[in-house]
Protein backbone atom coordinates (compact mmCIF):
# COMPACT_ATOMS: atom_id res chain seq x y z
CA MET A 1 1.46 0.09 8.20
CA VAL A 2 0.80 -0.72 4.54
CA ALA A 3 1.79 -4.36 5.08
CA ALA A 4 -0.41 -4.66 8.19
CA ASP A 5 -3.36 -3.08 6.37
CA TYR A 6 -2.95 -5.47 3.43
CA LEU A 7 -2.81 -8.49 5.74
CA THR A 8 -5.98 -7.31 7.46
CA HIS A 9 -7.62 -7.01 4.02
CA CYS A 10 -6.55 -10.56 3.12
CA GLU A 11 -7.88 -11.97 6.39
CA SER A 12 -11.31 -10.48 5.79
CA HIS A 13 -11.51 -10.85 2.00
CA TYR A 14 -10.09 -14.30 1.17
CA PRO A 15 -11.58 -17.56 2.39
CA GLN A 16 -9.47 -19.53 4.82
CA ASP A 17 -7.93 -22.67 3.34
CA LYS A 18 -5.43 -24.46 5.55
CA HIS A 19 -3.18 -25.54 2.69
CA ASN A 20 -2.70 -22.70 0.25
CA SER A 21 -4.66 -19.64 1.18
CA GLU A 22 -3.93 -16.19 -0.13
CA THR A 23 -3.62 -15.04 3.47
CA ASN A 24 -0.96 -17.63 4.29
CA GLN A 25 0.99 -16.72 1.17
CA THR A 26 0.75 -13.05 2.12
CA ARG A 27 2.02 -13.78 5.65
CA LEU A 28 4.98 -15.66 4.19
CA ALA A 29 5.82 -12.84 1.78
CA LEU A 30 5.46 -10.13 4.43
CA GLY A 31 7.92 -11.99 6.62
CA TYR A 32 10.64 -11.08 4.12
CA LEU A 33 9.86 -7.39 4.62
CA THR A 34 11.03 -7.45 8.25
CA PRO A 35 14.34 -5.65 7.49
CA TYR A 36 12.36 -2.85 5.85
CA LEU A 37 9.63 -2.26 8.44
CA GLU A 38 11.10 1.06 9.53
CA HIS A 39 11.31 2.37 5.94
CA ARG A 40 8.71 4.62 4.42
CA VAL A 41 6.90 3.16 1.41
CA ASN A 42 8.48 5.67 -0.95
CA GLU A 43 11.95 4.49 0.19
CA ILE A 44 11.38 0.96 -1.11
CA GLY A 45 12.27 1.11 -4.77
CA PRO A 46 13.39 -1.38 -7.42
CA LEU A 47 16.74 -2.20 -5.80
CA LYS A 48 15.19 -3.05 -2.44
CA LEU A 49 12.43 -5.06 -4.13
CA LYS A 50 15.10 -7.05 -5.98
CA ALA A 51 16.91 -7.66 -2.69
CA ILE A 52 13.66 -8.90 -1.11
CA ARG A 53 13.01 -11.19 -4.08
CA GLN A 54 16.55 -12.55 -3.87
CA SER A 55 16.18 -13.28 -0.16
CA MET A 56 13.02 -15.24 -1.00
CA LEU A 57 14.86 -17.17 -3.72
CA ASP A 58 17.73 -17.97 -1.35
CA ALA A 59 15.51 -19.18 1.50
CA THR A 60 14.16 -22.68 1.99
CA ASN A 61 10.75 -23.66 3.29
CA GLU A 62 11.02 -24.61 6.97
CA THR A 63 8.55 -27.47 6.61
CA SER A 64 9.54 -29.08 3.33
CA GLY A 65 13.14 -27.91 3.00
CA LYS A 66 12.41 -26.84 -0.58
CA ARG A 67 13.09 -23.46 -2.11
CA LEU A 68 10.31 -21.20 -3.30
CA SER A 69 9.88 -21.06 -7.06
CA ARG A 70 10.10 -17.75 -8.90
CA GLN A 71 6.51 -18.30 -10.09
CA TYR A 72 5.34 -18.62 -6.47
CA ILE A 73 7.37 -15.59 -5.42
CA ASN A 74 6.04 -13.45 -8.27
CA LYS A 75 2.47 -14.39 -7.37
């Protein structure tokens, strides 16, 4: 629910830019939370956040075939 609420906030708060919008970046990041959707917020601590970050580092962009940079992930 927290992720869905934040995405709704992004959609109404940030301007839509086809190339690099905050909303698109948020959608991408939230996609990595899929394995944790059934967890309560207080169950997602440092170890799970590190696992999510690592899955983002290991993945490649479907369009470009490139990996996400740590700077992009941290943003």
